[in-house]
């Protein structure tokens, strides 16, 4: 009987310790890692996206890390294609591959394929963009929260591209973007093992707050300052970067920026857990005490 090729997928909220465990697992399996993170793939973004350190990247080969530019269009469809091709390539010399990340939609696309959403009248999209550019993110957030509260509860509330997509779907079809979930999951030609890492919320939030302070000490302000000419790009409309705009405009203090990043990161971690907890295929382990032999 042939050996079953396996993809081990490590999921969980930000700051829970996914990177460290993924490296240990990949080293044990003598294989490589594919990142399923919608932000760490941008080479111009480092500190603010908690990209693995140079030392961590040296331990195990990583893919979809600093592999694209903030000028590139990166989405779940592109990741699905990239990851499937990389897995196929790695399976030629490895019996297993490790995937790690917190972007639930990317992992869903890889495991099940993407949802089929009807074509939307381009005029709807164009009007939303005009209104967003005129009225800003708060307007967009309010529109989505009112018109598609189901998506608002579990979507990326700081990501204007995702919010505009949800808004155009609800306006164009009268249905939430969540209603177009793929009910006919694609069967992949390999085994998928989903491993979730979790810890008590107070400890996770403490780690998040500390991580943000470490980012500040590592030079996050300077990193964002250098990217300010490109802050309008979708890649930078994200936690850790967008909070700096009013600071550089002289509207808020640096301490307030830090407070906002910590708060928004905690909210993001909560949304990640809401997403992943709905997946019955994920087996959960306490992040502090998980043992490699438990998951292999």
C-alpha atoms as a PDB file:
ATOM      1  CA  UNK A   1       0.000   0.000   0.000  1.00  0.00           C
ATOM      2  CA  UNK A   2       1.469   3.400  -0.957  1.00  0.00           C
ATOM      3  CA  UNK A   3       2.299   5.862   1.798  1.00  0.00           C
ATOM      4  CA  UNK A   4      -0.346   8.594   2.097  1.00  0.00           C
ATOM      5  CA  UNK A   5       0.975  12.065   1.379  1.00  0.00           C
ATOM      6  CA  UNK A   6      -0.070  14.421   4.177  1.00  0.00           C
ATOM      7  CA  UNK A   7      -0.373  18.166   4.687  1.00  0.00           C
ATOM      8  CA  UNK A   8      -0.291  19.171   8.347  1.00  0.00           C
ATOM      9  CA  UNK A   9      -2.031  22.537   8.785  1.00  0.00           C
ATOM     10  CA  UNK A  10      -1.270  24.535  11.946  1.00  0.00           C
ATOM     11  CA  UNK A  11      -3.927  27.147  12.733  1.00  0.00           C
ATOM     12  CA  UNK A  12      -4.867  29.440  15.579  1.00  0.00           C
ATOM     13  CA  UNK A  13      -4.949  33.098  16.561  1.00  0.00           C
ATOM     14  CA  UNK A  14      -2.070  35.491  16.116  1.00  0.00           C
ATOM     15  CA  UNK A  15       0.661  35.302  18.795  1.00  0.00           C
ATOM     16  CA  UNK A  16      -0.346  31.812  19.962  1.00  0.00           C
ATOM     17  CA  UNK A  17       2.961  30.245  18.886  1.00  0.00           C
ATOM     18  CA  UNK A  18       2.130  28.737  15.488  1.00  0.00           C
ATOM     19  CA  UNK A  19       5.492  29.572  13.886  1.00  0.00           C
ATOM     20  CA  UNK A  20       7.591  27.877  16.550  1.00  0.00           C
ATOM     21  CA  UNK A  21       5.512  24.715  16.537  1.00  0.00           C
ATOM     22  CA  UNK A  22       5.398  24.561  12.737  1.00  0.00           C
ATOM     23  CA  UNK A  23       9.197  24.747  12.608  1.00  0.00           C
ATOM     24  CA  UNK A  24       9.548  21.952  15.161  1.00  0.00           C
ATOM     25  CA  UNK A  25       7.063  19.789  13.244  1.00  0.00           C
ATOM     26  CA  UNK A  26       8.682  20.456   9.872  1.00  0.00           C
ATOM     27  CA  UNK A  27      12.146  19.648  11.214  1.00  0.00           C
ATOM     28  CA  UNK A  28      10.821  16.410  12.716  1.00  0.00           C
ATOM     29  CA  UNK A  29       9.180  15.456   9.416  1.00  0.00           C
ATOM     30  CA  UNK A  30      12.232  16.632   7.429  1.00  0.00           C
ATOM     31  CA  UNK A  31      10.064  18.786   5.220  1.00  0.00           C
ATOM     32  CA  UNK A  32       9.256  22.430   4.394  1.00  0.00           C
ATOM     33  CA  UNK A  33       6.653  25.013   5.382  1.00  0.00           C
ATOM     34  CA  UNK A  34       4.046  26.891   3.353  1.00  0.00           C
ATOM     35  CA  UNK A  35       2.785  30.054   5.028  1.00  0.00           C
ATOM     36  CA  UNK A  36      -0.972  30.656   4.855  1.00  0.00           C
ATOM     37  CA  UNK A  37      -0.761  34.275   5.947  1.00  0.00           C
ATOM     38  CA  UNK A  38      -2.281  37.015   3.802  1.00  0.00           C
ATOM     39  CA  UNK A  39       0.248  39.604   5.013  1.00  0.00           C
ATOM     40  CA  UNK A  40       3.592  37.882   5.536  1.00  0.00           C
ATOM     41  CA  UNK A  41       3.816  37.246   1.797  1.00  0.00           C
ATOM     42  CA  UNK A  42       4.624  40.920   1.154  1.00  0.00           C
ATOM     43  CA  UNK A  43       8.374  41.542   1.022  1.00  0.00           C
ATOM     44  CA  UNK A  44       7.998  45.221   1.957  1.00  0.00           C
ATOM     45  CA  UNK A  45       6.247  44.333   5.240  1.00  0.00           C
ATOM     46  CA  UNK A  46       8.217  42.674   8.007  1.00  0.00           C
ATOM     47  CA  UNK A  47       7.942  43.895  11.601  1.00  0.00           C
ATOM     48  CA  UNK A  48       4.253  44.762  11.535  1.00  0.00           C
ATOM     49  CA  UNK A  49       3.194  41.367  10.177  1.00  0.00           C
ATOM     50  CA  UNK A  50       5.320  39.375  12.653  1.00  0.00           C
ATOM     51  CA  UNK A  51       7.182  37.666   9.844  1.00  0.00           C
ATOM     52  CA  UNK A  52       9.371  34.747  11.043  1.00  0.00           C
ATOM     53  CA  UNK A  53      12.851  35.922  11.986  1.00  0.00           C
ATOM     54  CA  UNK A  54      15.930  35.340   9.861  1.00  0.00           C
ATOM     55  CA  UNK A  55      17.008  32.611  12.280  1.00  0.00           C
ATOM     56  CA  UNK A  56      13.606  30.914  12.131  1.00  0.00           C
ATOM     57  CA  UNK A  57      13.611  31.015   8.331  1.00  0.00           C
ATOM     58  CA  UNK A  58      17.082  29.477   8.350  1.00  0.00           C
ATOM     59  CA  UNK A  59      15.899  26.455  10.347  1.00  0.00           C
ATOM     60  CA  UNK A  60      13.349  25.336   7.742  1.00  0.00           C
ATOM     61  CA  UNK A  61      12.616  26.422   4.163  1.00  0.00           C
ATOM     62  CA  UNK A  62       9.486  28.593   4.009  1.00  0.00           C
ATOM     63  CA  UNK A  63       7.268  29.420   1.038  1.00  0.00           C
ATOM     64  CA  UNK A  64       4.844  32.338   0.535  1.00  0.00           C
ATOM     65  CA  UNK A  65       7.000  34.434   2.867  1.00  0.00           C
ATOM     66  CA  UNK A  66       8.222  37.748   1.359  1.00  0.00           C
ATOM     67  CA  UNK A  67       7.392  36.168  -1.996  1.00  0.00           C
ATOM     68  CA  UNK A  68       5.256  38.992  -3.422  1.00  0.00           C
ATOM     69  CA  UNK A  69       5.080  42.780  -3.530  1.00  0.00           C
ATOM     70  CA  UNK A  70       2.505  45.120  -2.030  1.00  0.00           C
ATOM     71  CA  UNK A  71       1.773  46.101  -5.644  1.00  0.00           C
ATOM     72  CA  UNK A  72       0.665  42.557  -6.479  1.00  0.00           C
ATOM     73  CA  UNK A  73      -2.946  41.423  -6.264  1.00  0.00           C
ATOM     74  CA  UNK A  74      -2.952  38.700  -3.625  1.00  0.00           C
ATOM     75  CA  UNK A  75      -6.136  36.821  -2.779  1.00  0.00           C
ATOM     76  CA  UNK A  76      -7.428  33.400  -1.797  1.00  0.00           C
ATOM     77  CA  UNK A  77      -7.596  32.230  -5.417  1.00  0.00           C
ATOM     78  CA  UNK A  78      -3.947  33.058  -6.007  1.00  0.00           C
ATOM     79  CA  UNK A  79      -2.946  31.380  -2.740  1.00  0.00           C
ATOM     80  CA  UNK A  80      -4.917  28.253  -3.594  1.00  0.00           C
ATOM     81  CA  UNK A  81      -3.082  27.913  -6.907  1.00  0.00           C
ATOM     82  CA  UNK A  82       0.305  28.755  -5.388  1.00  0.00           C
ATOM     83  CA  UNK A  83      -0.075  26.336  -2.473  1.00  0.00           C
ATOM     84  CA  UNK A  84      -1.390  23.444  -4.564  1.00  0.00           C
ATOM     85  CA  UNK A  85       1.503  23.792  -6.998  1.00  0.00           C
ATOM     86  CA  UNK A  86       4.037  24.022  -4.149  1.00  0.00           C
ATOM     87  CA  UNK A  87       2.575  20.988  -2.356  1.00  0.00           C
ATOM     88  CA  UNK A  88       2.730  18.980  -5.587  1.00  0.00           C
ATOM     89  CA  UNK A  89       6.366  19.989  -6.004  1.00  0.00           C
ATOM     90  CA  UNK A  90       7.319  19.165  -2.411  1.00  0.00           C
ATOM     91  CA  UNK A  91       5.553  15.805  -2.475  1.00  0.00           C
ATOM     92  CA  UNK A  92       8.052  14.660  -5.104  1.00  0.00           C
ATOM     93  CA  UNK A  93      10.706  14.479  -2.388  1.00  0.00           C
ATOM     94  CA  UNK A  94       8.689  14.575   0.867  1.00  0.00           C
ATOM     95  CA  UNK A  95       5.933  12.447   2.344  1.00  0.00           C
ATOM     96  CA  UNK A  96       4.546  15.400   4.291  1.00  0.00           C
ATOM     97  CA  UNK A  97       4.304  19.187   4.084  1.00  0.00           C
ATOM     98  CA  UNK A  98       3.555  21.662   6.873  1.00  0.00           C
ATOM     99  CA  UNK A  99       1.259  24.641   6.333  1.00  0.00           C
ATOM    100  CA  UNK A 100       0.877  27.337   8.973  1.00  0.00           C
ATOM    101  CA  UNK A 101      -1.146  30.503   9.231  1.00  0.00           C
ATOM    102  CA  UNK A 102      -4.020  32.453  10.543  1.00  0.00           C
ATOM    103  CA  UNK A 103      -5.804  33.483   7.346  1.00  0.00           C
ATOM    104  CA  UNK A 104      -8.854  31.241   7.481  1.00  0.00           C
ATOM    105  CA  UNK A 105     -10.066  31.986   3.972  1.00  0.00           C
ATOM    106  CA  UNK A 106      -6.715  30.973   2.464  1.00  0.00           C
ATOM    107  CA  UNK A 107      -6.741  27.691   4.346  1.00  0.00           C
ATOM    108  CA  UNK A 108     -10.348  27.060   3.346  1.00  0.00           C
ATOM    109  CA  UNK A 109      -9.480  27.703  -0.316  1.00  0.00           C
ATOM    110  CA  UNK A 110      -6.569  25.263  -0.134  1.00  0.00           C
ATOM    111  CA  UNK A 111      -8.569  22.515   1.576  1.00  0.00           C
ATOM    112  CA  UNK A 112     -11.957  22.842  -0.125  1.00  0.00           C
ATOM    113  CA  UNK A 113     -11.680  25.114  -3.150  1.00  0.00           C
ATOM    114  CA  UNK A 114     -13.284  28.529  -3.498  1.00  0.00           C
ATOM    115  CA  UNK A 115     -16.908  29.570  -3.386  1.00  0.00           C
ATOM    116  CA  UNK A 116     -18.760  30.333  -6.595  1.00  0.00           C
ATOM    117  CA  UNK A 117     -20.079  33.919  -6.490  1.00  0.00           C
ATOM    118  CA  UNK A 118     -22.194  35.339  -9.350  1.00  0.00           C
ATOM    119  CA  UNK A 119     -20.819  38.183 -11.452  1.00  0.00           C
ATOM    120  CA  UNK A 120     -21.685  41.571  -9.986  1.00  0.00           C
ATOM    121  CA  UNK A 121     -22.526  44.650 -12.070  1.00  0.00           C
ATOM    122  CA  UNK A 122     -19.281  46.639 -12.273  1.00  0.00           C
ATOM    123  CA  UNK A 123     -21.220  49.859 -11.668  1.00  0.00           C
ATOM    124  CA  UNK A 124     -21.979  48.671  -8.125  1.00  0.00           C
ATOM    125  CA  UNK A 125     -18.298  48.141  -7.399  1.00  0.00           C
ATOM    126  CA  UNK A 126     -17.342  51.481  -8.934  1.00  0.00           C
ATOM    127  CA  UNK A 127     -19.929  53.333  -6.842  1.00  0.00           C
ATOM    128  CA  UNK A 128     -18.718  51.655  -3.649  1.00  0.00           C
ATOM    129  CA  UNK A 129     -15.118  52.635  -4.429  1.00  0.00           C
ATOM    130  CA  UNK A 130     -16.155  56.256  -5.036  1.00  0.00           C
ATOM    131  CA  UNK A 131     -18.049  56.375  -1.742  1.00  0.00           C
ATOM    132  CA  UNK A 132     -15.165  54.714   0.125  1.00  0.00           C
ATOM    133  CA  UNK A 133     -12.621  57.188  -1.253  1.00  0.00           C
ATOM    134  CA  UNK A 134     -14.898  60.067  -0.291  1.00  0.00           C
ATOM    135  CA  UNK A 135     -16.166  58.897   3.110  1.00  0.00           C
ATOM    136  CA  UNK A 136     -13.450  56.514   4.319  1.00  0.00           C
ATOM    137  CA  UNK A 137     -13.187  53.215   6.154  1.00  0.00           C
ATOM    138  CA  UNK A 138     -15.704  54.037   8.888  1.00  0.00           C
ATOM    139  CA  UNK A 139     -18.424  54.559   6.296  1.00  0.00           C
ATOM    140  CA  UNK A 140     -17.540  51.244   4.675  1.00  0.00           C
ATOM    141  CA  UNK A 141     -17.543  49.415   7.998  1.00  0.00           C
ATOM    142  CA  UNK A 142     -20.949  50.841   8.916  1.00  0.00           C
ATOM    143  CA  UNK A 143     -22.441  49.893   5.531  1.00  0.00           C
ATOM    144  CA  UNK A 144     -21.272  46.291   5.836  1.00  0.00           C
ATOM    145  CA  UNK A 145     -22.300  45.974   9.490  1.00  0.00           C
ATOM    146  CA  UNK A 146     -25.836  47.138   8.618  1.00  0.00           C
ATOM    147  CA  UNK A 147     -26.329  45.396   5.269  1.00  0.00           C
ATOM    148  CA  UNK A 148     -24.460  42.144   5.976  1.00  0.00           C
ATOM    149  CA  UNK A 149     -24.192  41.726   9.770  1.00  0.00           C
ATOM    150  CA  UNK A 150     -23.397  38.008   9.418  1.00  0.00           C
ATOM    151  CA  UNK A 151     -20.249  38.736   7.413  1.00  0.00           C
ATOM    152  CA  UNK A 152     -19.372  41.684   9.652  1.00  0.00           C
ATOM    153  CA  UNK A 153     -19.229  39.400  12.673  1.00  0.00           C
ATOM    154  CA  UNK A 154     -16.655  37.060  11.170  1.00  0.00           C
ATOM    155  CA  UNK A 155     -14.993  39.062   8.384  1.00  0.00           C
ATOM    156  CA  UNK A 156     -11.828  41.176   8.349  1.00  0.00           C
ATOM    157  CA  UNK A 157     -13.218  44.449   9.659  1.00  0.00           C
ATOM    158  CA  UNK A 158     -10.074  46.463   8.922  1.00  0.00           C
ATOM    159  CA  UNK A 159      -9.620  45.213   5.342  1.00  0.00           C
ATOM    160  CA  UNK A 160     -11.371  47.566   2.882  1.00  0.00           C
ATOM    161  CA  UNK A 161     -10.982  45.201  -0.074  1.00  0.00           C
ATOM    162  CA  UNK A 162     -12.782  42.389   1.741  1.00  0.00           C
ATOM    163  CA  UNK A 163     -15.418  44.800   3.043  1.00  0.00           C
ATOM    164  CA  UNK A 164     -16.055  46.256  -0.409  1.00  0.00           C
ATOM    165  CA  UNK A 165     -16.347  42.753  -1.825  1.00  0.00           C
ATOM    166  CA  UNK A 166     -18.898  41.786   0.827  1.00  0.00           C
ATOM    167  CA  UNK A 167     -20.835  44.999   0.240  1.00  0.00           C
ATOM    168  CA  UNK A 168     -20.993  44.612  -3.540  1.00  0.00           C
ATOM    169  CA  UNK A 169     -22.200  41.010  -3.202  1.00  0.00           C
ATOM    170  CA  UNK A 170     -24.998  41.860  -0.773  1.00  0.00           C
ATOM    171  CA  UNK A 171     -26.092  44.804  -2.948  1.00  0.00           C
ATOM    172  CA  UNK A 172     -25.744  42.909  -6.228  1.00  0.00           C
ATOM    173  CA  UNK A 173     -27.353  39.620  -5.174  1.00  0.00           C
ATOM    174  CA  UNK A 174     -29.385  40.432  -2.087  1.00  0.00           C
ATOM    175  CA  UNK A 175     -27.526  37.634  -0.298  1.00  0.00           C
ATOM    176  CA  UNK A 176     -24.638  37.625   2.144  1.00  0.00           C
ATOM    177  CA  UNK A 177     -21.291  36.627   0.685  1.00  0.00           C
ATOM    178  CA  UNK A 178     -21.331  33.888   3.332  1.00  0.00           C
ATOM    179  CA  UNK A 179     -24.303  32.244   1.598  1.00  0.00           C
ATOM    180  CA  UNK A 180     -22.104  31.347  -1.363  1.00  0.00           C
ATOM    181  CA  UNK A 181     -19.951  28.981   0.645  1.00  0.00           C
ATOM    182  CA  UNK A 182     -18.847  25.970  -1.320  1.00  0.00           C
ATOM    183  CA  UNK A 183     -21.139  23.135  -0.279  1.00  0.00           C
ATOM    184  CA  UNK A 184     -19.425  20.705  -2.650  1.00  0.00           C
ATOM    185  CA  UNK A 185     -15.969  20.532  -1.156  1.00  0.00           C
ATOM    186  CA  UNK A 186     -13.197  19.584  -3.549  1.00  0.00           C
ATOM    187  CA  UNK A 187     -11.522  16.327  -2.603  1.00  0.00           C
ATOM    188  CA  UNK A 188      -7.785  16.829  -2.563  1.00  0.00           C
ATOM    189  CA  UNK A 189      -5.504  13.919  -3.577  1.00  0.00           C
ATOM    190  CA  UNK A 190      -3.697  13.977  -0.235  1.00  0.00           C
ATOM    191  CA  UNK A 191      -4.500  13.692   3.453  1.00  0.00           C
ATOM    192  CA  UNK A 192      -5.095  16.882   5.431  1.00  0.00           C
ATOM    193  CA  UNK A 193      -4.524  17.015   9.197  1.00  0.00           C
ATOM    194  CA  UNK A 194      -5.658  20.239  10.891  1.00  0.00           C
ATOM    195  CA  UNK A 195      -4.006  21.161  14.184  1.00  0.00           C
ATOM    196  CA  UNK A 196      -5.300  24.082  16.231  1.00  0.00           C
ATOM    197  CA  UNK A 197      -3.272  25.843  18.927  1.00  0.00           C
ATOM    198  CA  UNK A 198      -5.064  27.732  21.662  1.00  0.00           C
ATOM    199  CA  UNK A 199      -4.464  29.219  25.098  1.00  0.00           C
ATOM    200  CA  UNK A 200      -6.566  31.022  27.713  1.00  0.00           C
ATOM    201  CA  UNK A 201      -7.671  34.403  26.423  1.00  0.00           C
ATOM    202  CA  UNK A 202      -5.979  36.479  29.183  1.00  0.00           C
ATOM    203  CA  UNK A 203      -2.622  34.876  28.385  1.00  0.00           C
ATOM    204  CA  UNK A 204      -3.101  35.292  24.650  1.00  0.00           C
ATOM    205  CA  UNK A 205      -4.001  38.966  25.051  1.00  0.00           C
ATOM    206  CA  UNK A 206      -0.956  39.478  27.272  1.00  0.00           C
ATOM    207  CA  UNK A 207       1.236  37.933  24.562  1.00  0.00           C
ATOM    208  CA  UNK A 208      -0.388  40.140  21.920  1.00  0.00           C
ATOM    209  CA  UNK A 209       0.207  43.300  23.945  1.00  0.00           C
ATOM    210  CA  UNK A 210       3.825  42.321  24.550  1.00  0.00           C
ATOM    211  CA  UNK A 211       4.365  41.454  20.894  1.00  0.00           C
ATOM    212  CA  UNK A 212       3.156  44.898  19.828  1.00  0.00           C
ATOM    213  CA  UNK A 213       5.603  46.548  22.255  1.00  0.00           C
ATOM    214  CA  UNK A 214       8.396  44.384  20.833  1.00  0.00           C
ATOM    215  CA  UNK A 215       7.412  45.519  17.323  1.00  0.00           C
ATOM    216  CA  UNK A 216       7.711  49.147  18.434  1.00  0.00           C
ATOM    217  CA  UNK A 217      11.162  48.498  19.884  1.00  0.00           C
ATOM    218  CA  UNK A 218      12.168  46.693  16.681  1.00  0.00           C
ATOM    219  CA  UNK A 219      11.394  49.779  14.570  1.00  0.00           C
ATOM    220  CA  UNK A 220       7.775  49.457  13.447  1.00  0.00           C
ATOM    221  CA  UNK A 221       7.360  53.254  13.292  1.00  0.00           C
ATOM    222  CA  UNK A 222      10.267  53.552  10.868  1.00  0.00           C
ATOM    223  CA  UNK A 223       8.976  50.658   8.764  1.00  0.00           C
ATOM    224  CA  UNK A 224       5.533  52.237   8.414  1.00  0.00           C
ATOM    225  CA  UNK A 225       6.995  55.699   7.815  1.00  0.00           C
ATOM    226  CA  UNK A 226       8.923  54.380   4.815  1.00  0.00           C
ATOM    227  CA  UNK A 227       5.708  52.838   3.468  1.00  0.00           C
ATOM    228  CA  UNK A 228       3.489  55.910   3.948  1.00  0.00           C
ATOM    229  CA  UNK A 229       3.680  56.904   0.248  1.00  0.00           C
ATOM    230  CA  UNK A 230       1.990  53.553  -0.488  1.00  0.00           C
ATOM    231  CA  UNK A 231      -0.450  53.494   2.454  1.00  0.00           C
ATOM    232  CA  UNK A 232      -3.416  53.607   0.044  1.00  0.00           C
ATOM    233  CA  UNK A 233      -2.571  50.122  -1.252  1.00  0.00           C
ATOM    234  CA  UNK A 234      -4.783  47.278  -0.058  1.00  0.00           C
ATOM    235  CA  UNK A 235      -1.839  45.386   1.428  1.00  0.00           C
ATOM    236  CA  UNK A 236      -1.285  48.185   3.938  1.00  0.00           C
ATOM    237  CA  UNK A 237      -4.927  48.529   4.984  1.00  0.00           C
ATOM    238  CA  UNK A 238      -4.281  46.213   7.866  1.00  0.00           C
ATOM    239  CA  UNK A 239      -3.647  46.086  11.604  1.00  0.00           C
ATOM    240  CA  UNK A 240      -0.239  47.425  12.551  1.00  0.00           C
ATOM    241  CA  UNK A 241      -0.060  49.851   9.639  1.00  0.00           C
ATOM    242  CA  UNK A 242      -3.344  51.727   9.196  1.00  0.00           C
ATOM    243  CA  UNK A 243      -3.298  52.903  12.840  1.00  0.00           C
ATOM    244  CA  UNK A 244      -0.239  55.069  12.106  1.00  0.00           C
ATOM    245  CA  UNK A 245      -1.915  57.315   9.523  1.00  0.00           C
ATOM    246  CA  UNK A 246      -3.485  59.774  12.015  1.00  0.00           C
ATOM    247  CA  UNK A 247      -0.216  59.766  13.993  1.00  0.00           C
ATOM    248  CA  UNK A 248       1.826  60.865  10.999  1.00  0.00           C
ATOM    249  CA  UNK A 249      -0.856  63.467  10.309  1.00  0.00           C
ATOM    250  CA  UNK A 250      -0.369  64.825  13.822  1.00  0.00           C
ATOM    251  CA  UNK A 251      -3.825  63.813  15.066  1.00  0.00           C
ATOM    252  CA  UNK A 252      -2.915  61.252  17.770  1.00  0.00           C
ATOM    253  CA  UNK A 253       0.030  60.349  19.996  1.00  0.00           C
ATOM    254  CA  UNK A 254       2.386  57.400  19.616  1.00  0.00           C
ATOM    255  CA  UNK A 255       0.987  55.879  22.809  1.00  0.00           C
ATOM    256  CA  UNK A 256      -2.479  55.995  21.254  1.00  0.00           C
ATOM    257  CA  UNK A 257      -1.160  54.216  18.143  1.00  0.00           C
ATOM    258  CA  UNK A 258       0.263  51.453  20.324  1.00  0.00           C
ATOM    259  CA  UNK A 259      -3.031  51.169  22.204  1.00  0.00           C
ATOM    260  CA  UNK A 260      -4.991  50.930  18.945  1.00  0.00           C
ATOM    261  CA  UNK A 261      -2.687  48.282  17.452  1.00  0.00           C
ATOM    262  CA  UNK A 262      -2.962  46.184  20.604  1.00  0.00           C
ATOM    263  CA  UNK A 263      -6.744  46.552  20.667  1.00  0.00           C
ATOM    264  CA  UNK A 264      -7.223  45.805  16.965  1.00  0.00           C
ATOM    265  CA  UNK A 265      -4.871  42.830  17.151  1.00  0.00           C
ATOM    266  CA  UNK A 266      -6.854  41.396  20.064  1.00  0.00           C
ATOM    267  CA  UNK A 267     -10.064  41.856  18.064  1.00  0.00           C
ATOM    268  CA  UNK A 268      -8.431  40.164  15.071  1.00  0.00           C
ATOM    269  CA  UNK A 269      -7.369  37.201  17.222  1.00  0.00           C
ATOM    270  CA  UNK A 270     -10.935  36.854  18.460  1.00  0.00           C
ATOM    271  CA  UNK A 271     -12.270  36.805  14.881  1.00  0.00           C
ATOM    272  CA  UNK A 272      -9.661  34.203  13.922  1.00  0.00           C
ATOM    273  CA  UNK A 273     -10.822  31.912  16.708  1.00  0.00           C
ATOM    274  CA  UNK A 274     -14.469  32.427  15.752  1.00  0.00           C
ATOM    275  CA  UNK A 275     -13.611  31.326  12.196  1.00  0.00           C
ATOM    276  CA  UNK A 276     -11.496  28.317  13.122  1.00  0.00           C
ATOM    277  CA  UNK A 277     -13.803  27.041  15.871  1.00  0.00           C
ATOM    278  CA  UNK A 278     -16.478  26.511  13.227  1.00  0.00           C
ATOM    279  CA  UNK A 279     -14.252  23.935  11.513  1.00  0.00           C
ATOM    280  CA  UNK A 280     -15.018  20.544  13.066  1.00  0.00           C
ATOM    281  CA  UNK A 281     -11.971  19.001  11.368  1.00  0.00           C
ATOM    282  CA  UNK A 282      -9.545  20.970  13.525  1.00  0.00           C
ATOM    283  CA  UNK A 283      -8.231  19.117  16.566  1.00  0.00           C
ATOM    284  CA  UNK A 284      -7.311  21.570  19.290  1.00  0.00           C
ATOM    285  CA  UNK A 285      -4.297  21.441  21.590  1.00  0.00           C
ATOM    286  CA  UNK A 286      -3.034  23.727  24.366  1.00  0.00           C
ATOM    287  CA  UNK A 287      -0.240  25.760  22.807  1.00  0.00           C
ATOM    288  CA  UNK A 288       2.017  25.561  25.865  1.00  0.00           C
ATOM    289  CA  UNK A 289       2.047  21.778  26.199  1.00  0.00           C
ATOM    290  CA  UNK A 290       1.443  20.310  22.722  1.00  0.00           C
ATOM    291  CA  UNK A 291       3.718  17.389  21.873  1.00  0.00           C
ATOM    292  CA  UNK A 292       4.846  16.529  18.341  1.00  0.00           C
ATOM    293  CA  UNK A 293       3.986  12.875  18.806  1.00  0.00           C
ATOM    294  CA  UNK A 294       0.368  13.815  19.608  1.00  0.00           C
ATOM    295  CA  UNK A 295      -0.271  15.124  16.096  1.00  0.00           C
ATOM    296  CA  UNK A 296       1.723  12.836  13.802  1.00  0.00           C
END
